[in-house]
Amino acid sequence: MMRLQGVLQIVFGGAVLALAPLALWGDNSTEHSKFAGVYLSRKVGTTMNLSLGKDGSATVTEAPNGSDATTLFGHWTDMGGQVKVDFDAVEGNPPEPPMIFQPEHDGLQAVSWNRAAWGKTSPPPMKKGYKVKQTYWLTQNR
């Protein structure tokens, strides 16, 4: 019996060691999984919505004046508790300045944004994980 346990331990240990490199070289799609998802503001009027893909892609839709929404595309990184979004350049123009978001109450809050676009208004907080019914209500009842 003891001999069987020893053999099983060696086999199991060998399997773990053999599979460990695969974890390092495997798919990195979960690298961004902590913050990945959709974040929507609940505030009526000025809005900011954020989509963070598991692949590192990011989409920000903002309406600082309550209308005329602008959608920006880029990539995001986890900066050790904050999310930084770097935007892609569009049509030969320089990219928008990066935005930084901080976790707050089941969502994210912008702590760095394009102040020229927002003026004296601050972006509203965003909550993660809306249901379709809530999204419909937010987009139809302004």
Protein backbone atom coordinates (compact mmCIF):
# COMPACT_ATOMS: atom_id res chain seq x y z
CA MET A 1 0.00 0.00 0.00
CA MET A 2 2.80 2.45 0.94
CA ARG A 3 4.57 1.64 -2.28
CA LEU A 4 1.42 2.45 -4.30
CA GLN A 5 1.08 5.81 -2.54
CA GLY A 6 4.71 6.63 -3.34
CA VAL A 7 4.21 5.75 -7.00
CA LEU A 8 1.03 7.85 -7.18
CA GLN A 9 2.81 10.81 -5.59
CA ILE A 10 5.62 10.58 -8.12
CA VAL A 11 3.18 10.28 -11.03
CA PHE A 12 1.06 13.19 -9.78
CA GLY A 13 4.13 15.35 -9.10
CA GLY A 14 5.50 14.58 -12.56
CA ALA A 15 2.19 15.51 -14.17
CA VAL A 16 2.11 18.85 -12.34
CA LEU A 17 5.68 19.63 -13.39
CA ALA A 18 4.97 18.61 -16.99
CA LEU A 19 1.83 20.78 -17.23
CA ALA A 20 3.22 23.88 -15.44
CA PRO A 21 4.97 25.29 -18.55
CA LEU A 22 1.70 25.04 -20.47
CA ALA A 23 0.10 27.45 -17.99
CA LEU A 24 2.87 29.95 -18.68
CA TRP A 25 2.67 29.64 -22.46
CA GLY A 26 -1.08 29.23 -22.70
CA ASP A 27 -3.82 31.64 -23.69
CA ASN A 28 -3.43 35.08 -22.04
CA SER A 29 -7.11 36.01 -22.48
CA THR A 30 -7.69 35.78 -18.72
CA GLU A 31 -4.91 38.30 -18.01
CA HIS A 32 -7.51 41.09 -18.04
CA SER A 33 -10.36 39.12 -16.50
CA LYS A 34 -10.42 41.02 -13.17
CA PHE A 35 -11.83 44.19 -14.72
CA ALA A 36 -13.15 42.82 -18.03
CA GLY A 37 -16.81 43.59 -18.64
CA VAL A 38 -19.25 46.37 -19.35
CA TYR A 39 -19.66 49.40 -17.09
CA LEU A 40 -22.56 51.84 -17.51
CA SER A 41 -23.40 55.08 -15.75
CA ARG A 42 -26.82 55.38 -14.14
CA LYS A 43 -26.90 59.16 -14.08
CA VAL A 44 -29.40 60.80 -16.41
CA GLY A 45 -27.80 63.50 -18.54
CA THR A 46 -24.04 63.25 -18.70
CA THR A 47 -23.04 59.66 -19.38
CA MET A 48 -19.98 57.49 -19.67
CA ASN A 49 -20.02 53.83 -20.65
CA LEU A 50 -17.00 51.56 -20.75
CA SER A 51 -16.39 48.14 -22.24
CA LEU A 52 -13.20 46.29 -21.31
CA GLY A 53 -12.52 43.17 -23.36
CA LYS A 54 -10.64 40.15 -21.99
CA ASP A 55 -8.26 40.63 -24.93
CA GLY A 56 -7.28 44.11 -23.69
CA SER A 57 -9.51 46.05 -26.07
CA ALA A 58 -11.45 49.02 -24.71
CA THR A 59 -14.40 51.13 -25.86
CA VAL A 60 -15.48 54.33 -24.12
CA THR A 61 -18.71 56.10 -25.07
CA GLU A 62 -19.07 59.47 -23.41
CA ALA A 63 -21.60 62.28 -23.56
CA PRO A 64 -20.29 65.11 -21.36
CA ASN A 65 -23.17 67.42 -22.28
CA GLY A 66 -25.91 64.78 -22.14
CA SER A 67 -26.11 64.44 -25.93
CA ASP A 68 -23.70 64.10 -28.84
CA ALA A 69 -22.08 60.89 -27.62
CA THR A 70 -18.54 60.15 -28.76
CA THR A 71 -17.14 56.62 -28.95
CA LEU A 72 -13.41 56.07 -28.54
CA PHE A 73 -11.50 52.83 -29.10
CA GLY A 74 -8.26 51.69 -27.55
CA HIS A 75 -6.61 49.22 -25.21
CA TRP A 76 -6.58 48.90 -21.45
CA THR A 77 -4.13 47.74 -18.82
CA ASP A 78 -4.41 46.93 -15.14
CA MET A 79 -2.08 49.30 -13.29
CA GLY A 80 -2.24 47.48 -9.97
CA GLY A 81 -5.74 48.41 -8.87
CA GLN A 82 -6.53 51.04 -11.51
CA VAL A 83 -7.41 50.69 -15.17
CA LYS A 84 -5.65 52.79 -17.79
CA VAL A 85 -7.19 53.17 -21.25
CA ASP A 86 -4.91 54.34 -24.07
CA PHE A 87 -6.85 55.43 -27.15
CA ASP A 88 -6.11 54.76 -30.81
CA ALA A 89 -5.43 57.69 -33.14
CA VAL A 90 -8.26 58.44 -35.58
CA GLU A 91 -7.92 59.76 -39.14
CA GLY A 92 -4.44 61.18 -38.71
CA ASN A 93 -5.34 63.08 -35.53
CA PRO A 94 -3.38 62.49 -32.36
CA PRO A 95 -4.99 60.05 -29.92
CA GLU A 96 -7.20 61.31 -27.13
CA PRO A 97 -5.41 61.59 -23.79
CA PRO A 98 -5.47 58.37 -21.73
CA MET A 99 -8.16 57.84 -19.11
CA ILE A 100 -7.65 56.21 -15.72
CA PHE A 101 -10.43 54.48 -13.80
CA GLN A 102 -10.49 53.39 -10.18
CA PRO A 103 -12.68 50.67 -8.64
CA GLU A 104 -15.57 52.08 -6.64
CA HIS A 105 -18.77 50.47 -5.28
CA ASP A 106 -19.21 47.54 -7.71
CA GLY A 107 -17.96 49.55 -10.66
CA LEU A 108 -15.42 52.07 -11.90
CA GLN A 109 -15.00 55.83 -11.59
CA ALA A 110 -12.90 57.97 -13.93
CA VAL A 111 -10.09 59.71 -12.03
CA SER A 112 -8.29 61.06 -15.11
CA TRP A 113 -10.11 62.17 -18.27
CA ASN A 114 -10.09 64.75 -21.07
CA ARG A 115 -11.01 67.87 -19.11
CA ALA A 116 -11.28 69.92 -22.29
CA ALA A 117 -14.20 67.73 -23.43
CA TRP A 118 -15.89 67.55 -20.01
CA GLY A 119 -15.32 71.12 -18.82
CA LYS A 120 -16.19 71.52 -15.13
CA THR A 121 -18.34 68.37 -15.16
CA SER A 122 -16.93 65.12 -13.80
CA PRO A 123 -17.78 61.77 -15.42
CA PRO A 124 -20.41 59.85 -13.44
CA PRO A 125 -19.58 56.58 -11.67
CA MET A 126 -20.27 53.40 -13.61
CA LYS A 127 -21.65 50.10 -12.36
CA LYS A 128 -20.66 46.71 -13.74
CA GLY A 129 -23.01 44.05 -15.01
CA TYR A 130 -26.21 45.61 -16.25
CA LYS A 131 -29.06 43.52 -17.47
CA VAL A 132 -30.64 44.15 -20.87
CA LYS A 133 -33.79 45.57 -19.22
CA GLN A 134 -31.72 48.15 -17.27
CA THR A 135 -29.72 49.10 -20.36
CA TYR A 136 -32.92 49.64 -22.35
CA TRP A 137 -34.36 51.84 -19.60
CA LEU A 138 -31.18 53.93 -19.41
CA THR A 139 -31.02 54.52 -23.15
CA GLN A 140 -34.75 55.22 -23.66
CA ASN A 141 -35.62 57.33 -20.60
CA ARG A 142 -33.41 60.39 -20.75
